[in-house]
């Protein structure tokens, strides 16, 4: 047992019954939130995997050329 767990058990033994009940309630809520977060993450990861499976690679795409054309299109029309 780690020193941290030993300290937690020592504190639990010294705690009054009302405190133990509140601590148990907190631990239950924490576990529910933790499990809920893991389930949400799993669902979101599955959705992302689905989206990524629909994508395909563009072979003849020149990022710098596209960026330059976009900048020219956007800023060359500015009228002052």
C-alpha atoms as a PDB file:
ATOM      1  CA  UNK A   1       0.000   0.000   0.000  1.00  0.00           C
ATOM      2  CA  UNK A   2       1.313   3.433  -0.883  1.00  0.00           C
ATOM      3  CA  UNK A   3       1.922   6.152   1.656  1.00  0.00           C
ATOM      4  CA  UNK A   4      -0.904   8.193   0.137  1.00  0.00           C
ATOM      5  CA  UNK A   5      -3.422   5.368   0.629  1.00  0.00           C
ATOM      6  CA  UNK A   6      -2.171   4.783   4.172  1.00  0.00           C
ATOM      7  CA  UNK A   7      -2.735   8.456   4.936  1.00  0.00           C
ATOM      8  CA  UNK A   8      -6.220   8.305   3.414  1.00  0.00           C
ATOM      9  CA  UNK A   9      -7.129   5.261   5.547  1.00  0.00           C
ATOM     10  CA  UNK A  10      -5.750   6.944   8.649  1.00  0.00           C
ATOM     11  CA  UNK A  11      -7.871  10.024   7.961  1.00  0.00           C
ATOM     12  CA  UNK A  12     -10.933   7.860   7.240  1.00  0.00           C
ATOM     13  CA  UNK A  13     -10.577   6.033  10.557  1.00  0.00           C
ATOM     14  CA  UNK A  14     -10.398   9.353  12.418  1.00  0.00           C
ATOM     15  CA  UNK A  15     -13.414  10.842  10.583  1.00  0.00           C
ATOM     16  CA  UNK A  16     -16.856  10.982  12.250  1.00  0.00           C
ATOM     17  CA  UNK A  17     -19.679   8.885  10.701  1.00  0.00           C
ATOM     18  CA  UNK A  18     -21.345  11.911   9.079  1.00  0.00           C
ATOM     19  CA  UNK A  19     -18.108  12.712   7.329  1.00  0.00           C
ATOM     20  CA  UNK A  20     -17.754   9.141   6.111  1.00  0.00           C
ATOM     21  CA  UNK A  21     -21.261   9.259   4.609  1.00  0.00           C
ATOM     22  CA  UNK A  22     -20.490  12.537   2.840  1.00  0.00           C
ATOM     23  CA  UNK A  23     -17.189  11.133   1.588  1.00  0.00           C
ATOM     24  CA  UNK A  24     -18.906   8.030   0.196  1.00  0.00           C
ATOM     25  CA  UNK A  25     -21.473  10.221  -1.560  1.00  0.00           C
ATOM     26  CA  UNK A  26     -18.675  12.311  -3.064  1.00  0.00           C
ATOM     27  CA  UNK A  27     -16.807   9.219  -4.224  1.00  0.00           C
ATOM     28  CA  UNK A  28     -19.945   7.840  -5.907  1.00  0.00           C
ATOM     29  CA  UNK A  29     -20.526  11.124  -7.746  1.00  0.00           C
ATOM     30  CA  UNK A  30     -16.876  11.293  -8.763  1.00  0.00           C
ATOM     31  CA  UNK A  31     -16.946   7.755 -10.160  1.00  0.00           C
ATOM     32  CA  UNK A  32     -20.150   8.456 -12.099  1.00  0.00           C
ATOM     33  CA  UNK A  33     -18.665  11.610 -13.621  1.00  0.00           C
ATOM     34  CA  UNK A  34     -15.418   9.821 -14.438  1.00  0.00           C
ATOM     35  CA  UNK A  35     -17.223   6.942 -16.145  1.00  0.00           C
ATOM     36  CA  UNK A  36     -19.510   9.374 -17.958  1.00  0.00           C
ATOM     37  CA  UNK A  37     -16.528  11.331 -19.236  1.00  0.00           C
ATOM     38  CA  UNK A  38     -14.865   8.164 -20.504  1.00  0.00           C
ATOM     39  CA  UNK A  39     -18.059   7.142 -22.315  1.00  0.00           C
ATOM     40  CA  UNK A  40     -18.373  10.591 -23.918  1.00  0.00           C
ATOM     41  CA  UNK A  41     -14.742  10.486 -25.022  1.00  0.00           C
ATOM     42  CA  UNK A  42     -15.246   7.016 -26.527  1.00  0.00           C
ATOM     43  CA  UNK A  43     -18.349   8.188 -28.454  1.00  0.00           C
ATOM     44  CA  UNK A  44     -16.544  11.287 -29.725  1.00  0.00           C
ATOM     45  CA  UNK A  45     -13.513   9.251 -30.759  1.00  0.00           C
ATOM     46  CA  UNK A  46     -15.746   6.825 -32.663  1.00  0.00           C
ATOM     47  CA  UNK A  47     -17.448   9.748 -34.423  1.00  0.00           C
ATOM     48  CA  UNK A  48     -14.091  11.259 -35.353  1.00  0.00           C
ATOM     49  CA  UNK A  49     -12.905   7.899 -36.671  1.00  0.00           C
ATOM     50  CA  UNK A  50     -16.058   7.706 -38.819  1.00  0.00           C
ATOM     51  CA  UNK A  51     -15.427  11.173 -40.229  1.00  0.00           C
ATOM     52  CA  UNK A  52     -11.759  10.456 -40.887  1.00  0.00           C
ATOM     53  CA  UNK A  53     -12.659   7.217 -42.654  1.00  0.00           C
ATOM     54  CA  UNK A  54     -14.634   9.276 -45.185  1.00  0.00           C
ATOM     55  CA  UNK A  55     -11.691  11.504 -46.066  1.00  0.00           C
ATOM     56  CA  UNK A  56      -9.248  10.827 -48.833  1.00  0.00           C
ATOM     57  CA  UNK A  57      -5.888  12.242 -49.753  1.00  0.00           C
ATOM     58  CA  UNK A  58      -5.613  14.970 -52.385  1.00  0.00           C
ATOM     59  CA  UNK A  59      -2.533  14.198 -54.433  1.00  0.00           C
ATOM     60  CA  UNK A  60      -2.020  17.365 -56.491  1.00  0.00           C
ATOM     61  CA  UNK A  61      -2.662  19.989 -53.822  1.00  0.00           C
ATOM     62  CA  UNK A  62      -0.138  22.802 -53.409  1.00  0.00           C
ATOM     63  CA  UNK A  63      -0.803  24.503 -50.072  1.00  0.00           C
ATOM     64  CA  UNK A  64       1.461  27.470 -50.744  1.00  0.00           C
ATOM     65  CA  UNK A  65      -0.147  28.140 -54.125  1.00  0.00           C
ATOM     66  CA  UNK A  66      -3.639  27.957 -52.614  1.00  0.00           C
ATOM     67  CA  UNK A  67      -2.606  30.282 -49.798  1.00  0.00           C
ATOM     68  CA  UNK A  68      -1.137  32.802 -52.218  1.00  0.00           C
ATOM     69  CA  UNK A  69      -4.243  32.725 -54.434  1.00  0.00           C
ATOM     70  CA  UNK A  70      -6.487  33.141 -51.421  1.00  0.00           C
ATOM     71  CA  UNK A  71      -4.500  36.131 -50.184  1.00  0.00           C
ATOM     72  CA  UNK A  72      -4.546  37.751 -53.622  1.00  0.00           C
ATOM     73  CA  UNK A  73      -8.276  37.199 -53.958  1.00  0.00           C
ATOM     74  CA  UNK A  74      -9.016  38.520 -50.500  1.00  0.00           C
ATOM     75  CA  UNK A  75      -6.687  41.511 -50.342  1.00  0.00           C
ATOM     76  CA  UNK A  76      -6.472  42.644 -53.954  1.00  0.00           C
ATOM     77  CA  UNK A  77     -10.112  43.770 -53.895  1.00  0.00           C
ATOM     78  CA  UNK A  78      -9.667  46.120 -50.947  1.00  0.00           C
ATOM     79  CA  UNK A  79     -10.755  49.628 -51.891  1.00  0.00           C
ATOM     80  CA  UNK A  80      -9.608  52.432 -49.681  1.00  0.00           C
END
